[in-house]
Amino acid sequence: MKKAIYALILPLVVVSGLLFANREIKNENSKKSTAKPLSAAEMKAELRKWEATPEGIKFKKWEASPEGKKVLAGAAKISKPISAFTNMEAVVTSLSLPPGSHLGFGVMAKINGEDYILSFGLEKSNEFQQLHNLKVNDKIIIRSHSASYAPKYSYPIVSGDYVERDNKIIYKRPPNKGGC
């Protein structure tokens, strides 16, 4: 009887030992794989390497072109309200984005006399339902955390984080889950 009990317990101990050891190895690998942030000098070196690639050269040419300068100036024009996350008055100029854009749902808007792409991201269920009720020439108040640009687009891209019309909130981006 004792031999049968030992015969059953021994494989159980061996298997649990192997599982525990395997878990330790996985934990060590995950700790080693986290990359440390690059220093300023390393980031500059990486940027220089990227600027030497065909994509980097194309981007630098676009930045120096009249169209690129116009887009960069438009992005700079709203940098203060974006960094402070303050209200910006906008007028909806088009309910569709430029042809060929891959930004998800968005509208064109004029802020301080400049045209911008107001992008909200990929459409999920009813998330943008009230935004679909916008009309051309609607005056809205927007807030954003970021503006970007790309050679593909002739306008700066403003991420729509908050939209208000007639003192009513019609869109507010939900906070990121599990992060900053």
C-alpha atoms as a PDB file:
ATOM      1  CA  MET A   1       0.000   0.000   0.000  1.00  0.00           C
ATOM      2  CA  LYS A   2       2.824   2.378   0.916  1.00  0.00           C
ATOM      3  CA  LYS A   3       4.499   1.679  -2.438  1.00  0.00           C
ATOM      4  CA  ALA A   4       1.286   2.646  -4.294  1.00  0.00           C
ATOM      5  CA  ILE A   5       1.010   5.924  -2.393  1.00  0.00           C
ATOM      6  CA  TYR A   6       4.677   6.724  -3.050  1.00  0.00           C
ATOM      7  CA  ALA A   7       4.180   5.829  -6.718  1.00  0.00           C
ATOM      8  CA  LEU A   8       1.319   8.356  -6.955  1.00  0.00           C
ATOM      9  CA  ILE A   9       2.959  11.139  -4.945  1.00  0.00           C
ATOM     10  CA  LEU A  10       6.374  10.953  -6.638  1.00  0.00           C
ATOM     11  CA  PRO A  11       5.106  11.916 -10.157  1.00  0.00           C
ATOM     12  CA  LEU A  12       2.974  14.662  -8.591  1.00  0.00           C
ATOM     13  CA  VAL A  13       6.044  16.161  -6.881  1.00  0.00           C
ATOM     14  CA  VAL A  14       8.134  15.913 -10.054  1.00  0.00           C
ATOM     15  CA  VAL A  15       5.452  17.547 -12.237  1.00  0.00           C
ATOM     16  CA  SER A  16       4.804  20.368  -9.763  1.00  0.00           C
ATOM     17  CA  GLY A  17       8.556  20.980  -9.480  1.00  0.00           C
ATOM     18  CA  LEU A  18       8.875  21.230 -13.251  1.00  0.00           C
ATOM     19  CA  LEU A  19       5.932  23.644 -13.458  1.00  0.00           C
ATOM     20  CA  PHE A  20       7.376  25.834 -10.709  1.00  0.00           C
ATOM     21  CA  ALA A  21      10.816  25.884 -12.371  1.00  0.00           C
ATOM     22  CA  ASN A  22       9.248  26.756 -15.746  1.00  0.00           C
ATOM     23  CA  ARG A  23       7.414  29.699 -14.136  1.00  0.00           C
ATOM     24  CA  GLU A  24      10.680  31.008 -12.684  1.00  0.00           C
ATOM     25  CA  ILE A  25      12.351  30.869 -16.114  1.00  0.00           C
ATOM     26  CA  LYS A  26       9.450  32.786 -17.722  1.00  0.00           C
ATOM     27  CA  ASN A  27       9.601  35.471 -15.015  1.00  0.00           C
ATOM     28  CA  GLU A  28      13.344  35.928 -15.559  1.00  0.00           C
ATOM     29  CA  ASN A  29      12.873  36.247 -19.347  1.00  0.00           C
ATOM     30  CA  SER A  30      10.133  38.863 -18.988  1.00  0.00           C
ATOM     31  CA  LYS A  31      12.322  40.932 -16.650  1.00  0.00           C
ATOM     32  CA  LYS A  32      15.223  40.804 -19.092  1.00  0.00           C
ATOM     33  CA  SER A  33      13.110  41.706 -22.152  1.00  0.00           C
ATOM     34  CA  THR A  34      11.965  45.127 -20.884  1.00  0.00           C
ATOM     35  CA  ALA A  35      13.851  47.740 -22.847  1.00  0.00           C
ATOM     36  CA  LYS A  36      15.308  50.697 -21.057  1.00  0.00           C
ATOM     37  CA  PRO A  37      14.384  54.123 -22.434  1.00  0.00           C
ATOM     38  CA  LEU A  38      16.818  55.670 -24.871  1.00  0.00           C
ATOM     39  CA  SER A  39      18.924  58.607 -23.784  1.00  0.00           C
ATOM     40  CA  ALA A  40      18.697  61.922 -25.647  1.00  0.00           C
ATOM     41  CA  ALA A  41      21.917  61.194 -27.535  1.00  0.00           C
ATOM     42  CA  GLU A  42      20.680  57.734 -28.536  1.00  0.00           C
ATOM     43  CA  MET A  43      17.370  59.201 -29.737  1.00  0.00           C
ATOM     44  CA  LYS A  44      19.222  61.783 -31.853  1.00  0.00           C
ATOM     45  CA  ALA A  45      21.374  59.049 -33.356  1.00  0.00           C
ATOM     46  CA  GLU A  46      18.283  56.973 -34.182  1.00  0.00           C
ATOM     47  CA  LEU A  47      16.633  60.027 -35.739  1.00  0.00           C
ATOM     48  CA  ARG A  48      19.708  60.670 -37.911  1.00  0.00           C
ATOM     49  CA  LYS A  49      19.677  57.026 -39.039  1.00  0.00           C
ATOM     50  CA  TRP A  50      15.982  57.283 -39.940  1.00  0.00           C
ATOM     51  CA  GLU A  51      16.515  60.573 -41.810  1.00  0.00           C
ATOM     52  CA  ALA A  52      19.029  58.754 -44.030  1.00  0.00           C
ATOM     53  CA  THR A  53      16.416  56.164 -45.078  1.00  0.00           C
ATOM     54  CA  PRO A  54      14.275  56.757 -48.179  1.00  0.00           C
ATOM     55  CA  GLU A  55      11.228  57.483 -45.989  1.00  0.00           C
ATOM     56  CA  GLY A  56      13.214  60.009 -43.939  1.00  0.00           C
ATOM     57  CA  ILE A  57      14.525  61.760 -47.055  1.00  0.00           C
ATOM     58  CA  LYS A  58      11.008  61.935 -48.495  1.00  0.00           C
ATOM     59  CA  PHE A  59       9.693  63.383 -45.208  1.00  0.00           C
ATOM     60  CA  LYS A  60      12.455  66.029 -45.062  1.00  0.00           C
ATOM     61  CA  LYS A  61      11.646  67.088 -48.642  1.00  0.00           C
ATOM     62  CA  TRP A  62       7.966  67.351 -47.735  1.00  0.00           C
ATOM     63  CA  GLU A  63       8.792  69.472 -44.663  1.00  0.00           C
ATOM     64  CA  ALA A  64      10.739  71.911 -46.856  1.00  0.00           C
ATOM     65  CA  SER A  65       8.014  72.106 -49.532  1.00  0.00           C
ATOM     66  CA  PRO A  66       5.414  74.922 -49.485  1.00  0.00           C
ATOM     67  CA  GLU A  67       2.661  72.404 -48.677  1.00  0.00           C
ATOM     68  CA  GLY A  68       4.667  70.944 -45.797  1.00  0.00           C
ATOM     69  CA  LYS A  69       5.459  74.387 -44.400  1.00  0.00           C
ATOM     70  CA  LYS A  70       1.749  75.281 -44.541  1.00  0.00           C
ATOM     71  CA  VAL A  71       0.779  72.116 -42.646  1.00  0.00           C
ATOM     72  CA  LEU A  72       3.524  72.609 -40.035  1.00  0.00           C
ATOM     73  CA  ALA A  73       2.499  76.256 -39.544  1.00  0.00           C
ATOM     74  CA  GLY A  74      -1.121  75.173 -39.043  1.00  0.00           C
ATOM     75  CA  ALA A  75      -0.074  72.623 -36.416  1.00  0.00           C
ATOM     76  CA  ALA A  76       2.087  75.213 -34.649  1.00  0.00           C
ATOM     77  CA  LYS A  77      -0.790  77.715 -34.663  1.00  0.00           C
ATOM     78  CA  ILE A  78      -2.842  75.570 -32.282  1.00  0.00           C
ATOM     79  CA  SER A  79      -0.020  74.110 -30.204  1.00  0.00           C
ATOM     80  CA  LYS A  80      -0.746  76.268 -27.122  1.00  0.00           C
ATOM     81  CA  PRO A  81      -4.446  75.357 -26.766  1.00  0.00           C
ATOM     82  CA  ILE A  82      -3.560  71.714 -27.366  1.00  0.00           C
ATOM     83  CA  SER A  83      -0.805  71.590 -24.756  1.00  0.00           C
ATOM     84  CA  ALA A  84      -3.104  73.361 -22.267  1.00  0.00           C
ATOM     85  CA  PHE A  85      -6.142  71.239 -23.314  1.00  0.00           C
ATOM     86  CA  THR A  86      -8.277  74.382 -23.601  1.00  0.00           C
ATOM     87  CA  ASN A  87     -11.325  75.117 -25.718  1.00  0.00           C
ATOM     88  CA  MET A  88     -10.922  75.918 -29.411  1.00  0.00           C
ATOM     89  CA  GLU A  89     -13.798  77.246 -31.482  1.00  0.00           C
ATOM     90  CA  ALA A  90     -14.260  75.435 -34.769  1.00  0.00           C
ATOM     91  CA  VAL A  91     -16.667  75.425 -37.692  1.00  0.00           C
ATOM     92  CA  VAL A  92     -17.423  72.153 -39.477  1.00  0.00           C
ATOM     93  CA  THR A  93     -16.500  72.599 -43.157  1.00  0.00           C
ATOM     94  CA  SER A  94     -16.997  69.038 -44.440  1.00  0.00           C
ATOM     95  CA  LEU A  95     -18.536  65.875 -43.072  1.00  0.00           C
ATOM     96  CA  SER A  96     -16.033  63.657 -44.864  1.00  0.00           C
ATOM     97  CA  LEU A  97     -12.276  63.370 -44.763  1.00  0.00           C
ATOM     98  CA  PRO A  98     -10.049  63.874 -47.815  1.00  0.00           C
ATOM     99  CA  PRO A  99     -10.172  61.020 -50.354  1.00  0.00           C
ATOM    100  CA  GLY A 100      -7.852  58.129 -49.535  1.00  0.00           C
ATOM    101  CA  SER A 101      -7.515  58.968 -45.856  1.00  0.00           C
ATOM    102  CA  HIS A 102      -7.218  56.098 -43.404  1.00  0.00           C
ATOM    103  CA  LEU A 103      -7.951  57.927 -40.165  1.00  0.00           C
ATOM    104  CA  GLY A 104     -11.302  56.354 -39.335  1.00  0.00           C
ATOM    105  CA  PHE A 105     -14.204  58.644 -38.536  1.00  0.00           C
ATOM    106  CA  GLY A 106     -13.629  62.376 -38.735  1.00  0.00           C
ATOM    107  CA  VAL A 107     -14.711  65.712 -40.166  1.00  0.00           C
ATOM    108  CA  MET A 108     -12.988  68.741 -41.625  1.00  0.00           C
ATOM    109  CA  ALA A 109     -13.078  71.839 -39.419  1.00  0.00           C
ATOM    110  CA  LYS A 110     -11.823  75.403 -39.585  1.00  0.00           C
ATOM    111  CA  ILE A 111     -10.058  76.685 -36.459  1.00  0.00           C
ATOM    112  CA  ASN A 112      -8.750  80.266 -36.403  1.00  0.00           C
ATOM    113  CA  GLY A 113      -9.108  80.517 -40.174  1.00  0.00           C
ATOM    114  CA  GLU A 114      -7.119  77.334 -40.908  1.00  0.00           C
ATOM    115  CA  ASP A 115      -8.495  74.000 -42.132  1.00  0.00           C
ATOM    116  CA  TYR A 116      -7.835  70.906 -40.022  1.00  0.00           C
ATOM    117  CA  ILE A 117      -8.735  67.240 -40.106  1.00  0.00           C
ATOM    118  CA  LEU A 118     -10.623  66.504 -36.896  1.00  0.00           C
ATOM    119  CA  SER A 119     -10.074  62.772 -36.409  1.00  0.00           C
ATOM    120  CA  PHE A 120     -11.807  60.615 -33.815  1.00  0.00           C
ATOM    121  CA  GLY A 121     -10.410  57.188 -34.681  1.00  0.00           C
ATOM    122  CA  LEU A 122     -11.918  53.916 -35.741  1.00  0.00           C
ATOM    123  CA  GLU A 123     -15.656  53.751 -35.296  1.00  0.00           C
ATOM    124  CA  LYS A 124     -16.873  51.335 -32.644  1.00  0.00           C
ATOM    125  CA  SER A 125     -20.593  50.645 -32.167  1.00  0.00           C
ATOM    126  CA  ASN A 126     -22.461  53.845 -31.187  1.00  0.00           C
ATOM    127  CA  GLU A 127     -19.439  55.753 -29.907  1.00  0.00           C
ATOM    128  CA  PHE A 128     -19.775  58.567 -32.474  1.00  0.00           C
ATOM    129  CA  GLN A 129     -23.571  58.558 -32.810  1.00  0.00           C
ATOM    130  CA  GLN A 130     -24.035  62.214 -31.796  1.00  0.00           C
ATOM    131  CA  LEU A 131     -21.142  63.296 -34.024  1.00  0.00           C
ATOM    132  CA  HIS A 132     -23.012  61.909 -37.026  1.00  0.00           C
ATOM    133  CA  ASN A 133     -25.641  64.610 -36.385  1.00  0.00           C
ATOM    134  CA  LEU A 134     -23.140  67.393 -37.142  1.00  0.00           C
ATOM    135  CA  LYS A 135     -23.841  69.534 -40.192  1.00  0.00           C
ATOM    136  CA  VAL A 136     -21.662  71.766 -42.341  1.00  0.00           C
ATOM    137  CA  ASN A 137     -21.268  75.240 -40.754  1.00  0.00           C
ATOM    138  CA  ASP A 138     -22.057  73.929 -37.234  1.00  0.00           C
ATOM    139  CA  LYS A 139     -20.064  75.831 -34.632  1.00  0.00           C
ATOM    140  CA  ILE A 140     -18.440  73.513 -32.130  1.00  0.00           C
ATOM    141  CA  ILE A 141     -16.022  73.743 -29.236  1.00  0.00           C
ATOM    142  CA  ILE A 142     -13.240  71.163 -29.294  1.00  0.00           C
ATOM    143  CA  ARG A 143     -10.408  70.135 -27.020  1.00  0.00           C
ATOM    144  CA  SER A 144      -7.535  67.934 -28.015  1.00  0.00           C
ATOM    145  CA  HIS A 145      -4.418  66.443 -26.503  1.00  0.00           C
ATOM    146  CA  SER A 146      -2.574  66.108 -29.801  1.00  0.00           C
ATOM    147  CA  ALA A 147      -2.079  67.407 -33.306  1.00  0.00           C
ATOM    148  CA  SER A 148      -0.061  65.596 -35.930  1.00  0.00           C
ATOM    149  CA  TYR A 149       0.774  65.732 -39.598  1.00  0.00           C
ATOM    150  CA  ALA A 150       1.826  63.445 -42.395  1.00  0.00           C
ATOM    151  CA  PRO A 151       3.016  64.022 -45.959  1.00  0.00           C
ATOM    152  CA  LYS A 152      -0.038  62.114 -47.169  1.00  0.00           C
ATOM    153  CA  TYR A 153      -2.416  64.824 -45.900  1.00  0.00           C
ATOM    154  CA  SER A 154      -2.647  68.490 -46.892  1.00  0.00           C
ATOM    155  CA  TYR A 155      -3.963  69.473 -43.463  1.00  0.00           C
ATOM    156  CA  PRO A 156      -2.820  69.057 -39.859  1.00  0.00           C
ATOM    157  CA  ILE A 157      -4.628  66.272 -38.035  1.00  0.00           C
ATOM    158  CA  VAL A 158      -6.248  67.138 -34.699  1.00  0.00           C
ATOM    159  CA  SER A 159      -7.288  64.278 -32.454  1.00  0.00           C
ATOM    160  CA  GLY A 160     -10.831  64.929 -31.233  1.00  0.00           C
ATOM    161  CA  ASP A 161     -10.934  64.295 -27.504  1.00  0.00           C
ATOM    162  CA  TYR A 162     -13.896  66.513 -26.567  1.00  0.00           C
ATOM    163  CA  VAL A 163     -16.624  68.130 -28.681  1.00  0.00           C
ATOM    164  CA  GLU A 164     -19.352  70.464 -27.515  1.00  0.00           C
ATOM    165  CA  ARG A 165     -22.180  72.050 -29.536  1.00  0.00           C
ATOM    166  CA  ASP A 166     -24.698  74.536 -28.135  1.00  0.00           C
ATOM    167  CA  ASN A 167     -23.249  74.089 -24.624  1.00  0.00           C
ATOM    168  CA  LYS A 168     -23.924  70.336 -24.743  1.00  0.00           C
ATOM    169  CA  ILE A 169     -21.186  67.713 -24.762  1.00  0.00           C
ATOM    170  CA  ILE A 170     -21.679  65.557 -27.838  1.00  0.00           C
ATOM    171  CA  TYR A 171     -18.449  63.574 -27.579  1.00  0.00           C
ATOM    172  CA  LYS A 172     -15.870  62.895 -24.905  1.00  0.00           C
ATOM    173  CA  ARG A 173     -13.123  60.353 -25.521  1.00  0.00           C
ATOM    174  CA  PRO A 174     -13.171  57.647 -22.856  1.00  0.00           C
ATOM    175  CA  PRO A 175     -10.006  57.421 -20.730  1.00  0.00           C
ATOM    176  CA  ASN A 176      -7.369  54.861 -21.707  1.00  0.00           C
ATOM    177  CA  LYS A 177      -7.845  51.528 -20.009  1.00  0.00           C
ATOM    178  CA  GLY A 178      -4.967  50.207 -17.959  1.00  0.00           C
ATOM    179  CA  GLY A 179      -2.563  53.004 -18.731  1.00  0.00           C
ATOM    180  CA  CYS A 180      -1.688  56.637 -18.456  1.00  0.00           C
END
